[in-house]
């Protein structure tokens, strides 16, 4: 993520940010022993939108107001960068998402006992 940002590849940085959010949520669910809540019938992890919905509803996380506020924006930026045919993230997009990303990642890594 930092390397992509440093090379001015802001779309790539936003996609990596999205992936980091996704992984940190999965790690937190696994650490709590409730990963079954985020798997589909085939045993695969659900998509990011569903991961976020389930994380927001998970009582064992008790996410902060700031994390709850940041998650939808991180999801949207990541989705647009990964799937938006005509969207290209700009430096200002990634810069605006950075504080929320830090809050979200640190909270989920704390729940995963990785911080």
PDB file of N, CA and C in Angstrom:
ATOM      1  N   UNK A   1       0.833  -1.178   0.000  1.00  0.00           N
ATOM      2  CA  UNK A   1       0.000   0.000   0.000  1.00  0.00           C
ATOM      3  C   UNK A   1       0.880   1.245   0.000  1.00  0.00           C
ATOM      4  N   UNK A   2       1.852   1.279   0.901  1.00  0.00           N
ATOM      5  CA  UNK A   2       2.733   2.447   0.966  1.00  0.00           C
ATOM      6  C   UNK A   2       3.571   2.588  -0.297  1.00  0.00           C
ATOM      7  N   UNK A   3       4.030   1.464  -0.841  1.00  0.00           N
ATOM      8  CA  UNK A   3       4.817   1.509  -2.064  1.00  0.00           C
ATOM      9  C   UNK A   3       4.011   2.037  -3.236  1.00  0.00           C
ATOM     10  N   UNK A   4       2.770   1.581  -3.343  1.00  0.00           N
ATOM     11  CA  UNK A   4       1.901   2.063  -4.422  1.00  0.00           C
ATOM     12  C   UNK A   4       1.646   3.557  -4.266  1.00  0.00           C
ATOM     13  N   UNK A   5       1.395   3.983  -3.043  1.00  0.00           N
ATOM     14  CA  UNK A   5       1.165   5.407  -2.780  1.00  0.00           C
ATOM     15  C   UNK A   5       2.414   6.213  -3.140  1.00  0.00           C
ATOM     16  N   UNK A   6       3.564   5.709  -2.733  1.00  0.00           N
ATOM     17  CA  UNK A   6       4.823   6.402  -2.998  1.00  0.00           C
ATOM     18  C   UNK A   6       5.141   6.530  -4.480  1.00  0.00           C
ATOM     19  N   UNK A   7       4.617   5.604  -5.272  1.00  0.00           N
ATOM     20  CA  UNK A   7       4.822   5.650  -6.723  1.00  0.00           C
ATOM     21  C   UNK A   7       3.692   6.406  -7.426  1.00  0.00           C
ATOM     22  N   UNK A   8       2.802   7.009  -6.638  1.00  0.00           N
ATOM     23  CA  UNK A   8       1.644   7.752  -7.171  1.00  0.00           C
ATOM     24  C   UNK A   8       0.621   6.852  -7.855  1.00  0.00           C
ATOM     25  N   UNK A   9       0.570   5.597  -7.451  1.00  0.00           N
ATOM     26  CA  UNK A   9      -0.412   4.652  -7.970  1.00  0.00           C
ATOM     27  C   UNK A   9      -1.568   4.603  -6.972  1.00  0.00           C
ATOM     28  N   UNK A  10      -2.365   5.630  -6.960  1.00  0.00           N
ATOM     29  CA  UNK A  10      -3.381   5.804  -5.926  1.00  0.00           C
ATOM     30  C   UNK A  10      -4.506   4.781  -6.033  1.00  0.00           C
ATOM     31  N   UNK A  11      -4.861   4.379  -7.249  1.00  0.00           N
ATOM     32  CA  UNK A  11      -5.860   3.329  -7.406  1.00  0.00           C
ATOM     33  C   UNK A  11      -5.366   2.037  -6.754  1.00  0.00           C
ATOM     34  N   UNK A  12      -4.117   1.697  -7.007  1.00  0.00           N
ATOM     35  CA  UNK A  12      -3.536   0.491  -6.415  1.00  0.00           C
ATOM     36  C   UNK A  12      -3.469   0.613  -4.897  1.00  0.00           C
ATOM     37  N   UNK A  13      -3.126   1.785  -4.404  1.00  0.00           N
ATOM     38  CA  UNK A  13      -3.076   1.997  -2.953  1.00  0.00           C
ATOM     39  C   UNK A  13      -4.460   1.815  -2.337  1.00  0.00           C
ATOM     40  N   UNK A  14      -5.489   2.304  -3.015  1.00  0.00           N
ATOM     41  CA  UNK A  14      -6.855   2.162  -2.500  1.00  0.00           C
ATOM     42  C   UNK A  14      -7.292   0.701  -2.497  1.00  0.00           C
ATOM     43  N   UNK A  15      -6.914  -0.049  -3.513  1.00  0.00           N
ATOM     44  CA  UNK A  15      -7.247  -1.474  -3.558  1.00  0.00           C
ATOM     45  C   UNK A  15      -6.509  -2.219  -2.448  1.00  0.00           C
ATOM     46  N   UNK A  16      -5.261  -1.873  -2.213  1.00  0.00           N
ATOM     47  CA  UNK A  16      -4.510  -2.503  -1.127  1.00  0.00           C
ATOM     48  C   UNK A  16      -5.097  -2.133   0.233  1.00  0.00           C
ATOM     49  N   UNK A  17      -5.570  -0.907   0.358  1.00  0.00           N
ATOM     50  CA  UNK A  17      -6.231  -0.474   1.587  1.00  0.00           C
ATOM     51  C   UNK A  17      -7.481  -1.320   1.816  1.00  0.00           C
ATOM     52  N   UNK A  18      -8.233  -1.534   0.752  1.00  0.00           N
ATOM     53  CA  UNK A  18      -9.439  -2.365   0.818  1.00  0.00           C
ATOM     54  C   UNK A  18      -9.083  -3.772   1.283  1.00  0.00           C
ATOM     55  N   UNK A  19      -8.028  -4.326   0.715  1.00  0.00           N
ATOM     56  CA  UNK A  19      -7.604  -5.685   1.065  1.00  0.00           C
ATOM     57  C   UNK A  19      -7.142  -5.766   2.521  1.00  0.00           C
ATOM     58  N   UNK A  20      -6.457  -4.753   2.986  1.00  0.00           N
ATOM     59  CA  UNK A  20      -6.018  -4.715   4.375  1.00  0.00           C
ATOM     60  C   UNK A  20      -7.213  -4.679   5.326  1.00  0.00           C
ATOM     61  N   UNK A  21      -8.228  -3.912   4.985  1.00  0.00           N
ATOM     62  CA  UNK A  21      -9.453  -3.874   5.791  1.00  0.00           C
ATOM     63  C   UNK A  21     -10.083  -5.262   5.818  1.00  0.00           C
ATOM     64  N   UNK A  22     -10.200  -5.878   4.656  1.00  0.00           N
ATOM     65  CA  UNK A  22     -10.804  -7.203   4.544  1.00  0.00           C
ATOM     66  C   UNK A  22     -10.061  -8.228   5.401  1.00  0.00           C
ATOM     67  N   UNK A  23      -8.750  -8.268   5.279  1.00  0.00           N
ATOM     68  CA  UNK A  23      -7.932  -9.231   6.030  1.00  0.00           C
ATOM     69  C   UNK A  23      -8.019  -8.978   7.530  1.00  0.00           C
ATOM     70  N   UNK A  24      -7.989  -7.726   7.940  1.00  0.00           N
ATOM     71  CA  UNK A  24      -8.024  -7.430   9.376  1.00  0.00           C
ATOM     72  C   UNK A  24      -9.364  -7.827   9.984  1.00  0.00           C
ATOM     73  N   UNK A  25     -10.449  -7.666   9.239  1.00  0.00           N
ATOM     74  CA  UNK A  25     -11.764  -8.103   9.734  1.00  0.00           C
ATOM     75  C   UNK A  25     -11.776  -9.620   9.892  1.00  0.00           C
ATOM     76  N   UNK A  26     -11.292 -10.331   8.892  1.00  0.00           N
ATOM     77  CA  UNK A  26     -11.252 -11.796   8.965  1.00  0.00           C
ATOM     78  C   UNK A  26     -10.394 -12.249  10.139  1.00  0.00           C
ATOM     79  N   UNK A  27      -9.234 -11.641  10.325  1.00  0.00           N
ATOM     80  CA  UNK A  27      -8.359 -11.996  11.451  1.00  0.00           C
ATOM     81  C   UNK A  27      -9.064 -11.796  12.788  1.00  0.00           C
ATOM     82  N   UNK A  28      -9.816 -10.713  12.909  1.00  0.00           N
ATOM     83  CA  UNK A  28     -10.525 -10.429  14.162  1.00  0.00           C
ATOM     84  C   UNK A  28     -11.602 -11.477  14.427  1.00  0.00           C
ATOM     85  N   UNK A  29     -12.370 -11.837  13.410  1.00  0.00           N
ATOM     86  CA  UNK A  29     -13.393 -12.874  13.585  1.00  0.00           C
ATOM     87  C   UNK A  29     -12.747 -14.204  13.958  1.00  0.00           C
ATOM     88  N   UNK A  30     -11.653 -14.547  13.300  1.00  0.00           N
ATOM     89  CA  UNK A  30     -10.971 -15.803  13.610  1.00  0.00           C
ATOM     90  C   UNK A  30     -10.445 -15.810  15.037  1.00  0.00           C
ATOM     91  N   UNK A  31      -9.871 -14.708  15.480  1.00  0.00           N
ATOM     92  CA  UNK A  31      -9.321 -14.635  16.836  1.00  0.00           C
ATOM     93  C   UNK A  31     -10.406 -14.776  17.895  1.00  0.00           C
ATOM     94  N   UNK A  32     -11.601 -14.304  17.587  1.00  0.00           N
ATOM     95  CA  UNK A  32     -12.727 -14.424  18.525  1.00  0.00           C
ATOM     96  C   UNK A  32     -13.394 -15.793  18.435  1.00  0.00           C
ATOM     97  N   UNK A  33     -12.986 -16.591  17.447  1.00  0.00           N
ATOM     98  CA  UNK A  33     -13.568 -17.919  17.280  1.00  0.00           C
ATOM     99  C   UNK A  33     -14.961 -17.906  16.680  1.00  0.00           C
ATOM    100  N   UNK A  34     -15.298 -16.839  15.974  1.00  0.00           N
ATOM    101  CA  UNK A  34     -16.637 -16.710  15.393  1.00  0.00           C
ATOM    102  C   UNK A  34     -16.573 -16.554  13.867  1.00  0.00           C
ATOM    103  N   UNK A  35     -15.533 -17.128  13.263  1.00  0.00           N
ATOM    104  CA  UNK A  35     -15.379 -16.977  11.818  1.00  0.00           C
ATOM    105  C   UNK A  35     -16.518 -17.611  11.028  1.00  0.00           C
ATOM    106  N   UNK A  36     -17.246 -18.529  11.645  1.00  0.00           N
ATOM    107  CA  UNK A  36     -18.408 -19.121  10.976  1.00  0.00           C
ATOM    108  C   UNK A  36     -19.464 -18.091  10.612  1.00  0.00           C
ATOM    109  N   UNK A  37     -19.479 -16.977  11.325  1.00  0.00           N
ATOM    110  CA  UNK A  37     -20.448 -15.911  11.044  1.00  0.00           C
ATOM    111  C   UNK A  37     -20.160 -15.188   9.736  1.00  0.00           C
ATOM    112  N   UNK A  38     -18.944 -15.344   9.217  1.00  0.00           N
ATOM    113  CA  UNK A  38     -18.585 -14.618   7.994  1.00  0.00           C
ATOM    114  C   UNK A  38     -18.260 -15.563   6.841  1.00  0.00           C
ATOM    115  N   UNK A  39     -18.745 -16.798   6.952  1.00  0.00           N
ATOM    116  CA  UNK A  39     -18.550 -17.765   5.873  1.00  0.00           C
ATOM    117  C   UNK A  39     -19.893 -18.100   5.241  1.00  0.00           C
ATOM    118  N   UNK A  40     -19.845 -18.386   3.948  1.00  0.00           N
ATOM    119  CA  UNK A  40     -21.066 -18.780   3.250  1.00  0.00           C
ATOM    120  C   UNK A  40     -21.267 -20.291   3.391  1.00  0.00           C
ATOM    121  N   UNK A  41     -22.289 -20.820   2.737  1.00  0.00           N
ATOM    122  CA  UNK A  41     -22.621 -22.241   2.849  1.00  0.00           C
ATOM    123  C   UNK A  41     -21.491 -23.142   2.354  1.00  0.00           C
ATOM    124  N   UNK A  42     -20.680 -22.636   1.443  1.00  0.00           N
ATOM    125  CA  UNK A  42     -19.564 -23.423   0.909  1.00  0.00           C
ATOM    126  C   UNK A  42     -18.313 -23.335   1.781  1.00  0.00           C
ATOM    127  N   UNK A  43     -18.366 -22.520   2.842  1.00  0.00           N
ATOM    128  CA  UNK A  43     -17.219 -22.375   3.725  1.00  0.00           C
ATOM    129  C   UNK A  43     -16.245 -21.295   3.319  1.00  0.00           C
ATOM    130  N   UNK A  44     -16.608 -20.510   2.310  1.00  0.00           N
ATOM    131  CA  UNK A  44     -15.760 -19.397   1.865  1.00  0.00           C
ATOM    132  C   UNK A  44     -16.159 -18.126   2.597  1.00  0.00           C
ATOM    133  N   UNK A  45     -15.191 -17.242   2.766  1.00  0.00           N
ATOM    134  CA  UNK A  45     -15.504 -15.965   3.397  1.00  0.00           C
ATOM    135  C   UNK A  45     -16.382 -15.130   2.478  1.00  0.00           C
ATOM    136  N   UNK A  46     -17.302 -14.388   3.077  1.00  0.00           N
ATOM    137  CA  UNK A  46     -18.218 -13.543   2.315  1.00  0.00           C
ATOM    138  C   UNK A  46     -17.474 -12.330   1.753  1.00  0.00           C
ATOM    139  N   UNK A  47     -18.124 -11.617   0.856  1.00  0.00           N
ATOM    140  CA  UNK A  47     -17.549 -10.429   0.231  1.00  0.00           C
ATOM    141  C   UNK A  47     -17.403  -9.293   1.245  1.00  0.00           C
ATOM    142  N   UNK A  48     -16.632  -8.289   0.881  1.00  0.00           N
ATOM    143  CA  UNK A  48     -16.313  -7.190   1.793  1.00  0.00           C
ATOM    144  C   UNK A  48     -17.551  -6.487   2.343  1.00  0.00           C
ATOM    145  N   UNK A  49     -18.535  -6.211   1.511  1.00  0.00           N
ATOM    146  CA  UNK A  49     -19.736  -5.522   1.998  1.00  0.00           C
ATOM    147  C   UNK A  49     -20.395  -6.304   3.126  1.00  0.00           C
ATOM    148  N   UNK A  50     -20.498  -7.621   2.950  1.00  0.00           N
ATOM    149  CA  UNK A  50     -21.084  -8.456   3.995  1.00  0.00           C
ATOM    150  C   UNK A  50     -20.164  -8.570   5.203  1.00  0.00           C
ATOM    151  N   UNK A  51     -18.858  -8.619   4.974  1.00  0.00           N
ATOM    152  CA  UNK A  51     -17.912  -8.630   6.098  1.00  0.00           C
ATOM    153  C   UNK A  51     -18.114  -7.396   6.970  1.00  0.00           C
ATOM    154  N   UNK A  52     -18.245  -6.251   6.326  1.00  0.00           N
ATOM    155  CA  UNK A  52     -18.414  -5.003   7.070  1.00  0.00           C
ATOM    156  C   UNK A  52     -19.738  -5.002   7.819  1.00  0.00           C
ATOM    157  N   UNK A  53     -20.810  -5.434   7.173  1.00  0.00           N
ATOM    158  CA  UNK A  53     -22.116  -5.491   7.844  1.00  0.00           C
ATOM    159  C   UNK A  53     -22.059  -6.391   9.069  1.00  0.00           C
ATOM    160  N   UNK A  54     -21.431  -7.540   8.906  1.00  0.00           N
ATOM    161  CA  UNK A  54     -21.340  -8.484  10.021  1.00  0.00           C
ATOM    162  C   UNK A  54     -20.413  -7.970  11.121  1.00  0.00           C
ATOM    163  N   UNK A  55     -19.357  -7.284  10.745  1.00  0.00           N
ATOM    164  CA  UNK A  55     -18.450  -6.705  11.744  1.00  0.00           C
ATOM    165  C   UNK A  55     -19.151  -5.607  12.541  1.00  0.00           C
ATOM    166  N   UNK A  56     -19.929  -4.793  11.858  1.00  0.00           N
ATOM    167  CA  UNK A  56     -20.661  -3.727  12.552  1.00  0.00           C
ATOM    168  C   UNK A  56     -21.689  -4.297  13.524  1.00  0.00           C
ATOM    169  N   UNK A  57     -22.216  -5.471  13.204  1.00  0.00           N
ATOM    170  CA  UNK A  57     -23.238  -6.093  14.047  1.00  0.00           C
ATOM    171  C   UNK A  57     -22.659  -7.017  15.113  1.00  0.00           C
ATOM    172  N   UNK A  58     -21.368  -7.301  15.052  1.00  0.00           N
ATOM    173  CA  UNK A  58     -20.757  -8.262  15.979  1.00  0.00           C
ATOM    174  C   UNK A  58     -20.577  -7.641  17.361  1.00  0.00           C
ATOM    175  N   UNK A  59     -21.308  -8.141  18.367  1.00  0.00           N
ATOM    176  CA  UNK A  59     -21.237  -7.536  19.704  1.00  0.00           C
ATOM    177  C   UNK A  59     -19.884  -7.689  20.392  1.00  0.00           C
ATOM    178  N   UNK A  60     -19.120  -8.706  20.040  1.00  0.00           N
ATOM    179  CA  UNK A  60     -17.836  -8.897  20.722  1.00  0.00           C
ATOM    180  C   UNK A  60     -16.792  -7.871  20.297  1.00  0.00           C
ATOM    181  N   UNK A  61     -17.043  -7.126  19.230  1.00  0.00           N
ATOM    182  CA  UNK A  61     -16.094  -6.101  18.807  1.00  0.00           C
ATOM    183  C   UNK A  61     -16.340  -4.762  19.484  1.00  0.00           C
ATOM    184  N   UNK A  62     -17.573  -4.376  19.658  1.00  0.00           N
ATOM    185  CA  UNK A  62     -17.894  -3.051  20.223  1.00  0.00           C
ATOM    186  C   UNK A  62     -17.025  -1.974  19.571  1.00  0.00           C
ATOM    187  N   UNK A  63     -17.149  -1.854  18.263  1.00  0.00           N
ATOM    188  CA  UNK A  63     -16.333  -0.901  17.512  1.00  0.00           C
ATOM    189  C   UNK A  63     -16.621   0.534  17.933  1.00  0.00           C
ATOM    190  N   UNK A  64     -15.609   1.361  17.834  1.00  0.00           N
ATOM    191  CA  UNK A  64     -15.763   2.772  18.177  1.00  0.00           C
ATOM    192  C   UNK A  64     -16.641   3.477  17.148  1.00  0.00           C
ATOM    193  N   UNK A  65     -17.151   4.599  17.538  1.00  0.00           N
ATOM    194  CA  UNK A  65     -17.960   5.428  16.642  1.00  0.00           C
ATOM    195  C   UNK A  65     -17.151   5.799  15.398  1.00  0.00           C
ATOM    196  N   UNK A  66     -15.878   6.112  15.584  1.00  0.00           N
ATOM    197  CA  UNK A  66     -15.032   6.502  14.458  1.00  0.00           C
ATOM    198  C   UNK A  66     -14.812   5.350  13.476  1.00  0.00           C
ATOM    199  N   UNK A  67     -14.642   4.148  13.982  1.00  0.00           N
ATOM    200  CA  UNK A  67     -14.477   2.990  13.096  1.00  0.00           C
ATOM    201  C   UNK A  67     -15.768   2.729  12.329  1.00  0.00           C
ATOM    202  N   UNK A  68     -16.885   2.799  13.018  1.00  0.00           N
ATOM    203  CA  UNK A  68     -18.180   2.590  12.354  1.00  0.00           C
ATOM    204  C   UNK A  68     -18.410   3.621  11.259  1.00  0.00           C
ATOM    205  N   UNK A  69     -17.982   4.828  11.510  1.00  0.00           N
ATOM    206  CA  UNK A  69     -18.150   5.906  10.532  1.00  0.00           C
ATOM    207  C   UNK A  69     -17.225   5.715   9.329  1.00  0.00           C
ATOM    208  N   UNK A  70     -16.018   5.214   9.559  1.00  0.00           N
ATOM    209  CA  UNK A  70     -15.020   5.090   8.492  1.00  0.00           C
ATOM    210  C   UNK A  70     -15.244   3.893   7.576  1.00  0.00           C
ATOM    211  N   UNK A  71     -15.793   2.814   8.097  1.00  0.00           N
ATOM    212  CA  UNK A  71     -15.898   1.582   7.316  1.00  0.00           C
ATOM    213  C   UNK A  71     -16.632   1.736   5.980  1.00  0.00           C
ATOM    214  N   UNK A  72     -17.792   2.372   5.934  1.00  0.00           N
ATOM    215  CA  UNK A  72     -18.474   2.496   4.627  1.00  0.00           C
ATOM    216  C   UNK A  72     -17.659   3.260   3.586  1.00  0.00           C
ATOM    217  N   UNK A  73     -16.975   4.304   3.990  1.00  0.00           N
ATOM    218  CA  UNK A  73     -16.154   5.065   3.053  1.00  0.00           C
ATOM    219  C   UNK A  73     -14.972   4.267   2.529  1.00  0.00           C
ATOM    220  N   UNK A  74     -14.355   3.477   3.405  1.00  0.00           N
ATOM    221  CA  UNK A  74     -13.244   2.621   2.978  1.00  0.00           C
ATOM    222  C   UNK A  74     -13.736   1.568   1.991  1.00  0.00           C
ATOM    223  N   UNK A  75     -14.890   0.991   2.300  1.00  0.00           N
ATOM    224  CA  UNK A  75     -15.491   0.013   1.390  1.00  0.00           C
ATOM    225  C   UNK A  75     -15.760   0.646   0.023  1.00  0.00           C
ATOM    226  N   UNK A  76     -16.370   1.827   0.031  1.00  0.00           N
ATOM    227  CA  UNK A  76     -16.734   2.479  -1.232  1.00  0.00           C
ATOM    228  C   UNK A  76     -15.512   2.840  -2.067  1.00  0.00           C
ATOM    229  N   UNK A  77     -14.497   3.409  -1.438  1.00  0.00           N
ATOM    230  CA  UNK A  77     -13.281   3.759  -2.177  1.00  0.00           C
ATOM    231  C   UNK A  77     -12.623   2.508  -2.744  1.00  0.00           C
ATOM    232  N   UNK A  78     -12.545   1.466  -1.939  1.00  0.00           N
ATOM    233  CA  UNK A  78     -11.958   0.211  -2.410  1.00  0.00           C
ATOM    234  C   UNK A  78     -12.736  -0.403  -3.552  1.00  0.00           C
ATOM    235  N   UNK A  79     -14.066  -0.388  -3.437  1.00  0.00           N
ATOM    236  CA  UNK A  79     -14.906  -0.923  -4.511  1.00  0.00           C
ATOM    237  C   UNK A  79     -14.726  -0.129  -5.802  1.00  0.00           C
ATOM    238  N   UNK A  80     -14.749   1.186  -5.685  1.00  0.00           N
ATOM    239  CA  UNK A  80     -14.617   2.008  -6.889  1.00  0.00           C
ATOM    240  C   UNK A  80     -13.256   1.804  -7.548  1.00  0.00           C
ATOM    241  N   UNK A  81     -12.208   1.713  -6.739  1.00  0.00           N
ATOM    242  CA  UNK A  81     -10.868   1.522  -7.300  1.00  0.00           C
ATOM    243  C   UNK A  81     -10.694   0.135  -7.903  1.00  0.00           C
ATOM    244  N   UNK A  82     -11.287  -0.868  -7.273  1.00  0.00           N
ATOM    245  CA  UNK A  82     -11.138  -2.235  -7.765  1.00  0.00           C
ATOM    246  C   UNK A  82     -12.052  -2.529  -8.953  1.00  0.00           C
ATOM    247  N   UNK A  83     -13.244  -1.950  -8.955  1.00  0.00           N
ATOM    248  CA  UNK A  83     -14.249  -2.351  -9.938  1.00  0.00           C
ATOM    249  C   UNK A  83     -14.771  -1.229 -10.822  1.00  0.00           C
ATOM    250  N   UNK A  84     -14.465   0.011 -10.474  1.00  0.00           N
ATOM    251  CA  UNK A  84     -15.000   1.138 -11.239  1.00  0.00           C
ATOM    252  C   UNK A  84     -14.295   1.306 -12.568  1.00  0.00           C
ATOM    253  N   UNK A  85     -15.026   1.105 -13.608  1.00  0.00           N
ATOM    254  CA  UNK A  85     -14.449   1.169 -14.948  1.00  0.00           C
ATOM    255  C   UNK A  85     -13.929   2.563 -15.284  1.00  0.00           C
ATOM    256  N   UNK A  86     -14.605   3.582 -14.806  1.00  0.00           N
ATOM    257  CA  UNK A  86     -14.229   4.952 -15.143  1.00  0.00           C
ATOM    258  C   UNK A  86     -13.711   5.740 -13.946  1.00  0.00           C
ATOM    259  N   UNK A  87     -13.458   5.060 -12.841  1.00  0.00           N
ATOM    260  CA  UNK A  87     -12.966   5.732 -11.634  1.00  0.00           C
ATOM    261  C   UNK A  87     -11.481   5.449 -11.475  1.00  0.00           C
ATOM    262  N   UNK A  88     -10.734   6.479 -11.203  1.00  0.00           N
ATOM    263  CA  UNK A  88      -9.323   6.350 -10.861  1.00  0.00           C
ATOM    264  C   UNK A  88      -9.087   7.175  -9.606  1.00  0.00           C
ATOM    265  N   UNK A  89      -8.697   6.507  -8.527  1.00  0.00           N
ATOM    266  CA  UNK A  89      -8.464   7.216  -7.268  1.00  0.00           C
ATOM    267  C   UNK A  89      -7.353   8.242  -7.434  1.00  0.00           C
ATOM    268  N   UNK A  90      -7.542   9.353  -6.787  1.00  0.00           N
ATOM    269  CA  UNK A  90      -6.560  10.434  -6.780  1.00  0.00           C
ATOM    270  C   UNK A  90      -5.880  10.472  -5.411  1.00  0.00           C
ATOM    271  N   UNK A  91      -4.806  11.192  -5.323  1.00  0.00           N
ATOM    272  CA  UNK A  91      -4.086  11.349  -4.058  1.00  0.00           C
ATOM    273  C   UNK A  91      -5.029  11.838  -2.967  1.00  0.00           C
ATOM    274  N   UNK A  92      -5.875  12.790  -3.298  1.00  0.00           N
ATOM    275  CA  UNK A  92      -6.797  13.350  -2.303  1.00  0.00           C
ATOM    276  C   UNK A  92      -7.779  12.300  -1.781  1.00  0.00           C
ATOM    277  N   UNK A  93      -8.175  11.338  -2.620  1.00  0.00           N
ATOM    278  CA  UNK A  93      -9.078  10.268  -2.183  1.00  0.00           C
ATOM    279  C   UNK A  93      -8.409   9.394  -1.127  1.00  0.00           C
ATOM    280  N   UNK A  94      -7.178   8.994  -1.407  1.00  0.00           N
ATOM    281  CA  UNK A  94      -6.450   8.124  -0.482  1.00  0.00           C
ATOM    282  C   UNK A  94      -6.089   8.894   0.788  1.00  0.00           C
ATOM    283  N   UNK A  95      -5.665  10.135   0.638  1.00  0.00           N
ATOM    284  CA  UNK A  95      -5.326  10.954   1.807  1.00  0.00           C
ATOM    285  C   UNK A  95      -6.526  11.130   2.725  1.00  0.00           C
ATOM    286  N   UNK A  96      -7.701  11.340   2.144  1.00  0.00           N
ATOM    287  CA  UNK A  96      -8.911  11.530   2.950  1.00  0.00           C
ATOM    288  C   UNK A  96      -9.299  10.252   3.691  1.00  0.00           C
ATOM    289  N   UNK A  97      -9.009   9.101   3.107  1.00  0.00           N
ATOM    290  CA  UNK A  97      -9.370   7.822   3.721  1.00  0.00           C
ATOM    291  C   UNK A  97      -8.366   7.362   4.772  1.00  0.00           C
ATOM    292  N   UNK A  98      -7.159   7.894   4.751  1.00  0.00           N
ATOM    293  CA  UNK A  98      -6.078   7.397   5.608  1.00  0.00           C
ATOM    294  C   UNK A  98      -6.386   7.424   7.104  1.00  0.00           C
ATOM    295  N   UNK A  99      -6.884   8.521   7.675  1.00  0.00           N
ATOM    296  CA  UNK A  99      -7.135   8.494   9.125  1.00  0.00           C
ATOM    297  C   UNK A  99      -8.153   7.426   9.532  1.00  0.00           C
ATOM    298  N   UNK A 100      -9.211   7.291   8.757  1.00  0.00           N
ATOM    299  CA  UNK A 100     -10.211   6.268   9.047  1.00  0.00           C
ATOM    300  C   UNK A 100      -9.653   4.873   8.884  1.00  0.00           C
ATOM    301  N   UNK A 101      -8.804   4.694   7.889  1.00  0.00           N
ATOM    302  CA  UNK A 101      -8.187   3.392   7.667  1.00  0.00           C
ATOM    303  C   UNK A 101      -7.335   2.997   8.868  1.00  0.00           C
ATOM    304  N   UNK A 102      -6.573   3.924   9.366  1.00  0.00           N
ATOM    305  CA  UNK A 102      -5.730   3.628  10.526  1.00  0.00           C
ATOM    306  C   UNK A 102      -6.580   3.213  11.718  1.00  0.00           C
ATOM    307  N   UNK A 103      -7.649   3.941  11.971  1.00  0.00           N
ATOM    308  CA  UNK A 103      -8.535   3.623  13.095  1.00  0.00           C
ATOM    309  C   UNK A 103      -9.108   2.218  12.932  1.00  0.00           C
ATOM    310  N   UNK A 104      -9.643   1.930  11.759  1.00  0.00           N
ATOM    311  CA  UNK A 104     -10.278   0.639  11.495  1.00  0.00           C
ATOM    312  C   UNK A 104      -9.274  -0.500  11.628  1.00  0.00           C
ATOM    313  N   UNK A 105      -8.132  -0.369  10.993  1.00  0.00           N
ATOM    314  CA  UNK A 105      -7.132  -1.439  11.018  1.00  0.00           C
ATOM    315  C   UNK A 105      -6.645  -1.685  12.439  1.00  0.00           C
ATOM    316  N   UNK A 106      -6.338  -0.621  13.163  1.00  0.00           N
ATOM    317  CA  UNK A 106      -5.848  -0.802  14.531  1.00  0.00           C
ATOM    318  C   UNK A 106      -6.896  -1.456  15.420  1.00  0.00           C
ATOM    319  N   UNK A 107      -8.162  -1.084  15.265  1.00  0.00           N
ATOM    320  CA  UNK A 107      -9.204  -1.708  16.090  1.00  0.00           C
ATOM    321  C   UNK A 107      -9.329  -3.194  15.787  1.00  0.00           C
ATOM    322  N   UNK A 108      -9.390  -3.554  14.504  1.00  0.00           N
ATOM    323  CA  UNK A 108      -9.539  -4.967  14.174  1.00  0.00           C
ATOM    324  C   UNK A 108      -8.292  -5.770  14.527  1.00  0.00           C
ATOM    325  N   UNK A 109      -7.113  -5.203  14.350  1.00  0.00           N
ATOM    326  CA  UNK A 109      -5.902  -5.918  14.749  1.00  0.00           C
ATOM    327  C   UNK A 109      -5.831  -6.074  16.266  1.00  0.00           C
ATOM    328  N   UNK A 110      -6.359  -5.111  16.995  1.00  0.00           N
ATOM    329  CA  UNK A 110      -6.452  -5.241  18.456  1.00  0.00           C
ATOM    330  C   UNK A 110      -7.370  -6.419  18.806  1.00  0.00           C
ATOM    331  N   UNK A 111      -8.529  -6.492  18.156  1.00  0.00           N
ATOM    332  CA  UNK A 111      -9.454  -7.606  18.408  1.00  0.00           C
ATOM    333  C   UNK A 111      -8.846  -8.944  17.998  1.00  0.00           C
ATOM    334  N   UNK A 112      -7.979  -8.915  16.996  1.00  0.00           N
ATOM    335  CA  UNK A 112      -7.309 -10.135  16.541  1.00  0.00           C
ATOM    336  C   UNK A 112      -6.102 -10.482  17.417  1.00  0.00           C
ATOM    337  N   UNK A 113      -5.816  -9.620  18.388  1.00  0.00           N
ATOM    338  CA  UNK A 113      -4.663  -9.786  19.281  1.00  0.00           C
ATOM    339  C   UNK A 113      -3.336  -9.758  18.507  1.00  0.00           C
ATOM    340  N   UNK A 114      -3.311  -8.966  17.447  1.00  0.00           N
ATOM    341  CA  UNK A 114      -2.092  -8.784  16.664  1.00  0.00           C
ATOM    342  C   UNK A 114      -1.433  -7.446  16.959  1.00  0.00           C
ATOM    343  N   UNK A 115      -2.047  -6.646  17.796  1.00  0.00           N
ATOM    344  CA  UNK A 115      -1.476  -5.372  18.252  1.00  0.00           C
ATOM    345  C   UNK A 115      -1.471  -5.356  19.762  1.00  0.00           C
TER     346      UNK A 115
END
